[in-house]
Amino acid sequence: MPLLAGKTPPILRCNLPELEREVRQRIPDWAGASVARAGLWIEPLADTWQAELQALASALPASAPLVVVASRPLARLLPERRSWGGQPLGFRPGGISRLRRGLRGAGLVLEASYGIHSAVAIGLNALSWQLAHLGRPDLADRIHFAARLRYCAEGPLAVLSTVALLIARKESEE
């Protein structure tokens, strides 16, 4: 969110109607297709991601950040995600890798990549729930807090998460 804060609203592309209300709570005003100082792209879709990326890259000035939030295949395990529509690019084999290459091709440099809601955190939360139901709330609490510390993953373990968070910055036009 600090990357998106400022006096002018960011450009936003949200391809999940189910999340628009949440996004509006956090970013009440956002720009349309005009030039903005930052961009937020939620759930690139397999059929339209290249055109959307080009439009976003064209609307961002040099050095502006683009934050991308994309579901990964593991998100299919989440009950609420199963009912959402669309064909997320991240669900496809190699989809996030194609997106990374596409960012480069559109003149955006990837600065950071994270996995949100990691498999480790999911597993620890399940273990915590089991321990609580077995009458061991003391252990359940410890495991629950251990899961919180592992909610975000970097490096190779980021692939084992439900959501990819990519932060790119538009290169200077020299």
Foldseek 3Di string as FASTA:
>chain_A
DVLQDDDAGAEEAAPWPVCPVVVCVVGVDHDYQAADQEYEYEFQAPVCNLVVLLSNLVRYAAFRKYKYKHFACVLCVPVVVVPTDGHGLRNDVCSVVVVQVSCVVSQKAWDFKKAAQAPQLVVLQVVLVVCVVVVNNVVSVVSNVVSVVVRMGGDPRSNRHGMMIIMIGHHHDD
